[in-house]
Structure formats: structure tokens, C-alpha cells
Amino acid sequence: MASDSLGIPISLLTYRHGSTPNGIVQVMRVRERLTSATATLMQRQGVAGTGIAEILSTSGVTRRSIYLNFPGGKAELVAAATRAAGDELSALLRDCIRQRDPIGAFTRVWSEILISTDFEGGCPIVAAAFSRAEAPEAASTAADVFDEWTQLLADRLRQDGINRAAAQSLSTTVVAALEGAVILSRATQSTKPLEQAARHLKELIAQHRPTD
């Protein structure tokens, strides 16, 4: 899986459908460059701190291209970037869920991202969630992504024998705790909050697994 400059797997620069007419492929590539650049900047500096000039510089496209592809301007672009990043992170979460220790796997991924970016690379979905005043569609998209992650985790917990109600509640707790731990790790410049949260989450989940 391809990675962006921050290390999060965002394979937006690779177009996969070879049968699509060239003109459409070119348009898609411009859109993908814009959404990838926007998501990368959101990770580092949030939505409010991500300006059009920086998006243009990072993506290498012209200003005209933004308004041709995203007539709604920055708000529409941020929403599209949130959806694209959410899709890629959901795919990553699915990979982690297939492993024996999904919490540990997802924690290791975030630890690597934080360390490799000197704790500047946060979660673009969190950035979008904080942007409702400026980009309400992006904030709503972030809520949808969090719901998707919660359901993915709940399904895995159900497979482990945990009852439906507990699995749903635990999955919400996992998403909230790990996303909060990423924020704390960025603030403290240490992966310790993330590691501590993961350890206690695994202990909590173990208490709900059937003993038979």
C-alpha cells in the first residue's frame, strides 16, 4: 500500500482503472493530488491552518484546477480529502483487525507514524471533526468514518465471542481512546500515552471475552 509523505497509507496518486478514457483519468489524477495534499496538510496543521496556497504548492496543480474540480472551494475539497483519507485508514484498520492482536497492530502503526513525523503527523479525520464551523460537510464525513471504524471493531469483537451490546460499547471506547491517545502523544512528543491506552484497552476487552 502506497504511503503519503507523512507515512499514512493514502494511495490517492495511483489510478487503478486502465479502461477509463484518458481525459477522465487526467481529471481524476488532479483531484487525487489535491485530496492527498489536503489530507497531508490537515494531519500537520488542521483544517484552519491549511490554506489554498499551501495546497497548491504541495499538490503541484494550478489554482484554476481547484475550482474546476471542487466548485465549492476549500470546504468541498476538505470534505473530499476527509472521505479519501477515511477510506484508506479504514482499509488499514481492516488489515489490523485480521491480525491476532488488532489493538496492538493499530497502535504500532500510529506509533510509527508519530515517530517518523517527529510527532507532527496526526489523524486527518480528527482534524476534519474539529472543522464544523469552516467545513461542516467534512465534519459530518469524519463522524461517518468514526462510525465505520466503530462498526469494524464491533464486528471483530463479536467474532471473539463478546455479546453485541458490549462489543458496540467497547468499540466506541477503543476508537475514542486511541484517537485521544494520538492527540496526547503529539502534545507530549511521546508514544507513551498511546501505549498505555492500548494496554488498558486490551485488558478491558479481555474482561468481556467468554471464559469457556
C-alpha atoms as a PDB file:
ATOM      1  CA  MET A   1       0.000   0.000   0.000  1.00  0.00           C
ATOM      2  CA  ALA A   2       1.386   3.385  -1.000  1.00  0.00           C
ATOM      3  CA  SER A   3       2.148   5.991   1.646  1.00  0.00           C
ATOM      4  CA  ASP A   4       1.993   9.758   1.634  1.00  0.00           C
ATOM      5  CA  SER A   5       4.798  11.969   2.927  1.00  0.00           C
ATOM      6  CA  LEU A   6       3.579  11.504   6.499  1.00  0.00           C
ATOM      7  CA  GLY A   7       3.572   7.723   6.338  1.00  0.00           C
ATOM      8  CA  ILE A   8      -0.193   7.188   6.430  1.00  0.00           C
ATOM      9  CA  PRO A   9      -1.240   4.897   3.576  1.00  0.00           C
ATOM     10  CA  ILE A  10      -3.001   7.262   1.206  1.00  0.00           C
ATOM     11  CA  SER A  11      -2.706   5.714  -2.251  1.00  0.00           C
ATOM     12  CA  LEU A  12      -4.525   8.568  -3.936  1.00  0.00           C
ATOM     13  CA  LEU A  13      -1.878   9.178  -6.576  1.00  0.00           C
ATOM     14  CA  THR A  14      -2.377   5.756  -8.145  1.00  0.00           C
ATOM     15  CA  TYR A  15      -5.308   5.450 -10.512  1.00  0.00           C
ATOM     16  CA  ARG A  16      -6.379   1.842 -10.920  1.00  0.00           C
ATOM     17  CA  HIS A  17      -8.912   1.768 -13.749  1.00  0.00           C
ATOM     18  CA  GLY A  18      -6.996   1.462 -17.009  1.00  0.00           C
ATOM     19  CA  SER A  19     -10.133   1.278 -19.162  1.00  0.00           C
ATOM     20  CA  THR A  20     -11.174   4.836 -18.258  1.00  0.00           C
ATOM     21  CA  PRO A  21     -10.730   7.384 -21.089  1.00  0.00           C
ATOM     22  CA  ASN A  22      -7.522   9.417 -20.793  1.00  0.00           C
ATOM     23  CA  GLY A  23      -9.269  12.730 -20.202  1.00  0.00           C
ATOM     24  CA  ILE A  24     -11.161  11.345 -17.217  1.00  0.00           C
ATOM     25  CA  VAL A  25      -8.001   9.736 -15.861  1.00  0.00           C
ATOM     26  CA  GLN A  26      -6.224  13.102 -16.000  1.00  0.00           C
ATOM     27  CA  VAL A  27      -9.085  14.796 -14.157  1.00  0.00           C
ATOM     28  CA  MET A  28      -9.052  12.065 -11.510  1.00  0.00           C
ATOM     29  CA  ARG A  29      -5.310  12.406 -11.054  1.00  0.00           C
ATOM     30  CA  VAL A  30      -5.663  16.133 -10.420  1.00  0.00           C
ATOM     31  CA  ARG A  31      -8.465  15.509  -7.917  1.00  0.00           C
ATOM     32  CA  GLU A  32      -6.404  12.828  -6.192  1.00  0.00           C
ATOM     33  CA  ARG A  33      -3.342  15.058  -5.975  1.00  0.00           C
ATOM     34  CA  LEU A  34      -5.471  17.767  -4.412  1.00  0.00           C
ATOM     35  CA  THR A  35      -7.177  15.486  -1.885  1.00  0.00           C
ATOM     36  CA  SER A  36      -3.899  13.772  -0.969  1.00  0.00           C
ATOM     37  CA  ALA A  37      -2.107  17.091  -0.462  1.00  0.00           C
ATOM     38  CA  THR A  38      -5.017  18.451   1.579  1.00  0.00           C
ATOM     39  CA  ALA A  39      -5.176  15.385   3.842  1.00  0.00           C
ATOM     40  CA  THR A  40      -1.420  15.562   4.410  1.00  0.00           C
ATOM     41  CA  LEU A  41      -1.611  19.222   5.411  1.00  0.00           C
ATOM     42  CA  MET A  42      -4.631  18.568   7.632  1.00  0.00           C
ATOM     43  CA  GLN A  43      -2.609  15.969   9.522  1.00  0.00           C
ATOM     44  CA  ARG A  44       0.070  18.504  10.358  1.00  0.00           C
ATOM     45  CA  GLN A  45      -1.812  21.728  10.918  1.00  0.00           C
ATOM     46  CA  GLY A  46      -5.546  21.080  10.960  1.00  0.00           C
ATOM     47  CA  VAL A  47      -8.171  22.463   8.596  1.00  0.00           C
ATOM     48  CA  ALA A  48      -7.963  26.094   9.697  1.00  0.00           C
ATOM     49  CA  GLY A  49      -4.202  26.067   9.209  1.00  0.00           C
ATOM     50  CA  THR A  50      -4.420  24.556   5.741  1.00  0.00           C
ATOM     51  CA  GLY A  51      -4.586  27.306   3.132  1.00  0.00           C
ATOM     52  CA  ILE A  52      -5.213  27.179  -0.597  1.00  0.00           C
ATOM     53  CA  ALA A  53      -1.692  28.403  -1.365  1.00  0.00           C
ATOM     54  CA  GLU A  54      -0.163  25.520   0.610  1.00  0.00           C
ATOM     55  CA  ILE A  55      -2.470  23.006  -1.043  1.00  0.00           C
ATOM     56  CA  LEU A  56      -1.394  24.285  -4.451  1.00  0.00           C
ATOM     57  CA  SER A  57       2.282  24.163  -3.515  1.00  0.00           C
ATOM     58  CA  THR A  58       2.045  20.649  -2.067  1.00  0.00           C
ATOM     59  CA  SER A  59      -0.088  19.212  -4.880  1.00  0.00           C
ATOM     60  CA  GLY A  60       1.680  20.995  -7.736  1.00  0.00           C
ATOM     61  CA  VAL A  61      -1.563  21.888  -9.511  1.00  0.00           C
ATOM     62  CA  THR A  62      -2.888  25.257 -10.633  1.00  0.00           C
ATOM     63  CA  ARG A  63      -5.365  27.379  -8.691  1.00  0.00           C
ATOM     64  CA  ARG A  64      -7.835  27.029 -11.554  1.00  0.00           C
ATOM     65  CA  SER A  65      -7.778  23.247 -11.062  1.00  0.00           C
ATOM     66  CA  ILE A  66      -9.170  23.560  -7.538  1.00  0.00           C
ATOM     67  CA  TYR A  67     -12.295  25.369  -8.664  1.00  0.00           C
ATOM     68  CA  LEU A  68     -12.739  23.182 -11.758  1.00  0.00           C
ATOM     69  CA  ASN A  69     -12.662  20.041  -9.615  1.00  0.00           C
ATOM     70  CA  PHE A  70     -14.130  21.475  -6.418  1.00  0.00           C
ATOM     71  CA  PRO A  71     -16.526  24.336  -7.268  1.00  0.00           C
ATOM     72  CA  GLY A  72     -17.336  24.672  -3.576  1.00  0.00           C
ATOM     73  CA  GLY A  73     -13.738  25.677  -2.903  1.00  0.00           C
ATOM     74  CA  LYS A  74     -11.788  24.701   0.186  1.00  0.00           C
ATOM     75  CA  ALA A  75     -14.767  23.346   2.144  1.00  0.00           C
ATOM     76  CA  GLU A  76     -15.650  20.896  -0.632  1.00  0.00           C
ATOM     77  CA  LEU A  77     -12.016  19.906  -1.085  1.00  0.00           C
ATOM     78  CA  VAL A  78     -11.542  19.271   2.638  1.00  0.00           C
ATOM     79  CA  ALA A  79     -14.662  17.070   2.664  1.00  0.00           C
ATOM     80  CA  ALA A  80     -13.334  15.047  -0.281  1.00  0.00           C
ATOM     81  CA  ALA A  81      -9.916  14.754   1.368  1.00  0.00           C
ATOM     82  CA  THR A  82     -11.562  13.542   4.567  1.00  0.00           C
ATOM     83  CA  ARG A  83     -13.505  10.875   2.685  1.00  0.00           C
ATOM     84  CA  ALA A  84     -10.413   9.717   0.777  1.00  0.00           C
ATOM     85  CA  ALA A  85      -8.253   9.573   3.908  1.00  0.00           C
ATOM     86  CA  GLY A  86     -11.063   7.836   5.772  1.00  0.00           C
ATOM     87  CA  ASP A  87     -11.320   5.158   3.096  1.00  0.00           C
ATOM     88  CA  GLU A  88      -7.581   4.500   3.220  1.00  0.00           C
ATOM     89  CA  LEU A  89      -7.460   4.406   7.012  1.00  0.00           C
ATOM     90  CA  SER A  90     -10.476   2.089   7.079  1.00  0.00           C
ATOM     91  CA  ALA A  91      -8.609  -0.265   4.744  1.00  0.00           C
ATOM     92  CA  LEU A  92      -5.637  -0.113   7.103  1.00  0.00           C
ATOM     93  CA  LEU A  93      -7.885  -0.846  10.086  1.00  0.00           C
ATOM     94  CA  ARG A  94      -9.313  -3.863   8.261  1.00  0.00           C
ATOM     95  CA  ASP A  95      -5.778  -5.168   7.824  1.00  0.00           C
ATOM     96  CA  CYS A  96      -5.101  -4.697  11.537  1.00  0.00           C
ATOM     97  CA  ILE A  97      -8.369  -6.368  12.518  1.00  0.00           C
ATOM     98  CA  ARG A  98      -7.334  -9.541  10.694  1.00  0.00           C
ATOM     99  CA  GLN A  99      -4.314  -9.872  12.962  1.00  0.00           C
ATOM    100  CA  ARG A 100      -4.249 -11.781  16.243  1.00  0.00           C
ATOM    101  CA  ASP A 101      -3.866  -8.538  18.249  1.00  0.00           C
ATOM    102  CA  PRO A 102      -5.746  -5.820  16.331  1.00  0.00           C
ATOM    103  CA  ILE A 103      -5.366  -3.168  19.047  1.00  0.00           C
ATOM    104  CA  GLY A 104      -1.630  -3.760  19.185  1.00  0.00           C
ATOM    105  CA  ALA A 105      -1.355  -3.697  15.388  1.00  0.00           C
ATOM    106  CA  PHE A 106      -3.188  -0.373  15.043  1.00  0.00           C
ATOM    107  CA  THR A 107      -1.191   1.089  17.918  1.00  0.00           C
ATOM    108  CA  ARG A 108       2.097   0.115  16.258  1.00  0.00           C
ATOM    109  CA  VAL A 109       1.018   1.794  13.025  1.00  0.00           C
ATOM    110  CA  TRP A 110       0.239   5.054  14.825  1.00  0.00           C
ATOM    111  CA  SER A 111       3.434   4.879  16.851  1.00  0.00           C
ATOM    112  CA  GLU A 112       5.435   4.551  13.647  1.00  0.00           C
ATOM    113  CA  ILE A 113       3.587   7.484  12.077  1.00  0.00           C
ATOM    114  CA  LEU A 114       4.145   9.691  15.100  1.00  0.00           C
ATOM    115  CA  ILE A 115       7.842   8.858  15.412  1.00  0.00           C
ATOM    116  CA  SER A 116       8.570   9.119  11.692  1.00  0.00           C
ATOM    117  CA  THR A 117       6.973  12.585  11.512  1.00  0.00           C
ATOM    118  CA  ASP A 118       8.538  13.925  14.730  1.00  0.00           C
ATOM    119  CA  PHE A 119       5.029  13.886  16.225  1.00  0.00           C
ATOM    120  CA  GLU A 120       3.675  16.293  13.605  1.00  0.00           C
ATOM    121  CA  GLY A 121       1.514  13.780  11.757  1.00  0.00           C
ATOM    122  CA  GLY A 122      -1.842  13.447  13.450  1.00  0.00           C
ATOM    123  CA  CYS A 123      -5.125  11.992  12.269  1.00  0.00           C
ATOM    124  CA  PRO A 124      -6.767  13.881   9.374  1.00  0.00           C
ATOM    125  CA  ILE A 125     -10.176  12.589  10.460  1.00  0.00           C
ATOM    126  CA  VAL A 126      -9.797  14.262  13.858  1.00  0.00           C
ATOM    127  CA  ALA A 127      -8.746  17.453  12.085  1.00  0.00           C
ATOM    128  CA  ALA A 128     -11.907  17.304   9.997  1.00  0.00           C
ATOM    129  CA  ALA A 129     -14.067  16.658  13.057  1.00  0.00           C
ATOM    130  CA  PHE A 130     -12.862  19.941  14.569  1.00  0.00           C
ATOM    131  CA  SER A 131     -13.720  21.927  11.427  1.00  0.00           C
ATOM    132  CA  ARG A 132     -17.515  22.120  11.546  1.00  0.00           C
ATOM    133  CA  ALA A 133     -17.613  25.924  11.501  1.00  0.00           C
ATOM    134  CA  GLU A 134     -15.444  26.117   8.387  1.00  0.00           C
ATOM    135  CA  ALA A 135     -16.181  22.804   6.659  1.00  0.00           C
ATOM    136  CA  PRO A 136     -19.404  21.267   8.000  1.00  0.00           C
ATOM    137  CA  GLU A 137     -19.535  18.537   5.357  1.00  0.00           C
ATOM    138  CA  ALA A 138     -16.028  17.412   6.303  1.00  0.00           C
ATOM    139  CA  ALA A 139     -17.027  17.241   9.975  1.00  0.00           C
ATOM    140  CA  SER A 140     -20.056  15.128   9.090  1.00  0.00           C
ATOM    141  CA  THR A 141     -17.862  12.901   6.942  1.00  0.00           C
ATOM    142  CA  ALA A 142     -15.498  12.482   9.892  1.00  0.00           C
ATOM    143  CA  ALA A 143     -18.421  11.308  12.025  1.00  0.00           C
ATOM    144  CA  ASP A 144     -19.300   8.762   9.334  1.00  0.00           C
ATOM    145  CA  VAL A 145     -15.705   7.500   9.257  1.00  0.00           C
ATOM    146  CA  PHE A 146     -15.621   7.103  13.032  1.00  0.00           C
ATOM    147  CA  ASP A 147     -18.905   5.183  12.856  1.00  0.00           C
ATOM    148  CA  GLU A 148     -17.394   2.904  10.224  1.00  0.00           C
ATOM    149  CA  TRP A 149     -14.331   2.219  12.400  1.00  0.00           C
ATOM    150  CA  THR A 150     -16.565   1.544  15.389  1.00  0.00           C
ATOM    151  CA  GLN A 151     -18.598  -0.976  13.416  1.00  0.00           C
ATOM    152  CA  LEU A 152     -15.491  -2.717  12.047  1.00  0.00           C
ATOM    153  CA  LEU A 153     -14.168  -3.147  15.576  1.00  0.00           C
ATOM    154  CA  ALA A 154     -17.557  -4.245  16.921  1.00  0.00           C
ATOM    155  CA  ASP A 155     -17.761  -6.937  14.260  1.00  0.00           C
ATOM    156  CA  ARG A 156     -14.322  -8.235  15.241  1.00  0.00           C
ATOM    157  CA  LEU A 157     -15.237  -8.270  18.931  1.00  0.00           C
ATOM    158  CA  ARG A 158     -18.399 -10.210  18.102  1.00  0.00           C
ATOM    159  CA  GLN A 159     -16.214 -12.773  16.326  1.00  0.00           C
ATOM    160  CA  ASP A 160     -14.270 -13.120  19.587  1.00  0.00           C
ATOM    161  CA  GLY A 161     -17.467 -14.126  21.350  1.00  0.00           C
ATOM    162  CA  ILE A 162     -18.339 -10.813  23.003  1.00  0.00           C
ATOM    163  CA  ASN A 163     -22.063 -10.081  23.094  1.00  0.00           C
ATOM    164  CA  ARG A 164     -23.463  -7.497  20.713  1.00  0.00           C
ATOM    165  CA  ALA A 165     -24.181  -4.693  23.204  1.00  0.00           C
ATOM    166  CA  ALA A 166     -20.782  -4.959  24.873  1.00  0.00           C
ATOM    167  CA  ALA A 167     -18.997  -5.176  21.519  1.00  0.00           C
ATOM    168  CA  GLN A 168     -20.666  -1.985  20.323  1.00  0.00           C
ATOM    169  CA  SER A 169     -19.825  -0.106  23.524  1.00  0.00           C
ATOM    170  CA  LEU A 170     -16.252  -1.416  23.635  1.00  0.00           C
ATOM    171  CA  SER A 171     -15.611  -0.496  20.008  1.00  0.00           C
ATOM    172  CA  THR A 172     -16.678   3.097  20.692  1.00  0.00           C
ATOM    173  CA  THR A 173     -14.354   3.139  23.694  1.00  0.00           C
ATOM    174  CA  VAL A 174     -11.455   1.832  21.592  1.00  0.00           C
ATOM    175  CA  VAL A 175     -11.865   4.453  18.854  1.00  0.00           C
ATOM    176  CA  ALA A 176     -12.269   7.285  21.378  1.00  0.00           C
ATOM    177  CA  ALA A 177      -9.308   6.153  23.489  1.00  0.00           C
ATOM    178  CA  LEU A 178      -6.872   5.576  20.630  1.00  0.00           C
ATOM    179  CA  GLU A 179      -7.752   8.802  18.821  1.00  0.00           C
ATOM    180  CA  GLY A 180      -7.412  10.711  22.090  1.00  0.00           C
ATOM    181  CA  ALA A 181      -4.123   8.955  22.795  1.00  0.00           C
ATOM    182  CA  VAL A 182      -2.759  10.049  19.418  1.00  0.00           C
ATOM    183  CA  ILE A 183      -3.562  13.657  20.341  1.00  0.00           C
ATOM    184  CA  LEU A 184      -1.888  13.271  23.741  1.00  0.00           C
ATOM    185  CA  SER A 185       1.151  11.645  22.140  1.00  0.00           C
ATOM    186  CA  ARG A 186       1.527  14.568  19.758  1.00  0.00           C
ATOM    187  CA  ALA A 187       1.233  17.031  22.629  1.00  0.00           C
ATOM    188  CA  THR A 188       3.749  15.221  24.838  1.00  0.00           C
ATOM    189  CA  GLN A 189       6.062  14.203  21.988  1.00  0.00           C
ATOM    190  CA  SER A 190       5.940  10.635  23.263  1.00  0.00           C
ATOM    191  CA  THR A 191       4.198   7.410  22.296  1.00  0.00           C
ATOM    192  CA  LYS A 192       3.685   6.559  25.963  1.00  0.00           C
ATOM    193  CA  PRO A 193       0.025   7.737  26.094  1.00  0.00           C
ATOM    194  CA  LEU A 194      -0.754   5.596  23.055  1.00  0.00           C
ATOM    195  CA  GLU A 195       0.994   2.547  24.516  1.00  0.00           C
ATOM    196  CA  GLN A 196      -0.733   2.972  27.881  1.00  0.00           C
ATOM    197  CA  ALA A 197      -4.159   3.360  26.280  1.00  0.00           C
ATOM    198  CA  ALA A 198      -3.611   0.263  24.149  1.00  0.00           C
ATOM    199  CA  ARG A 199      -2.545  -1.834  27.135  1.00  0.00           C
ATOM    200  CA  HIS A 200      -5.594  -0.920  29.198  1.00  0.00           C
ATOM    201  CA  LEU A 201      -7.937  -1.341  26.240  1.00  0.00           C
ATOM    202  CA  LYS A 202      -6.701  -4.894  25.763  1.00  0.00           C
ATOM    203  CA  GLU A 203      -7.221  -5.574  29.474  1.00  0.00           C
ATOM    204  CA  LEU A 204     -10.752  -4.172  29.256  1.00  0.00           C
ATOM    205  CA  ILE A 205     -11.635  -6.262  26.205  1.00  0.00           C
ATOM    206  CA  ALA A 206     -10.230  -9.405  27.844  1.00  0.00           C
ATOM    207  CA  GLN A 207     -12.678  -8.947  30.719  1.00  0.00           C
ATOM    208  CA  HIS A 208     -15.585  -9.242  28.285  1.00  0.00           C
ATOM    209  CA  ARG A 209     -14.412 -12.310  26.402  1.00  0.00           C
ATOM    210  CA  PRO A 210     -16.175 -15.563  27.297  1.00  0.00           C
ATOM    211  CA  THR A 211     -14.091 -17.778  29.590  1.00  0.00           C
ATOM    212  CA  ASP A 212     -15.498 -21.112  28.417  1.00  0.00           C
END
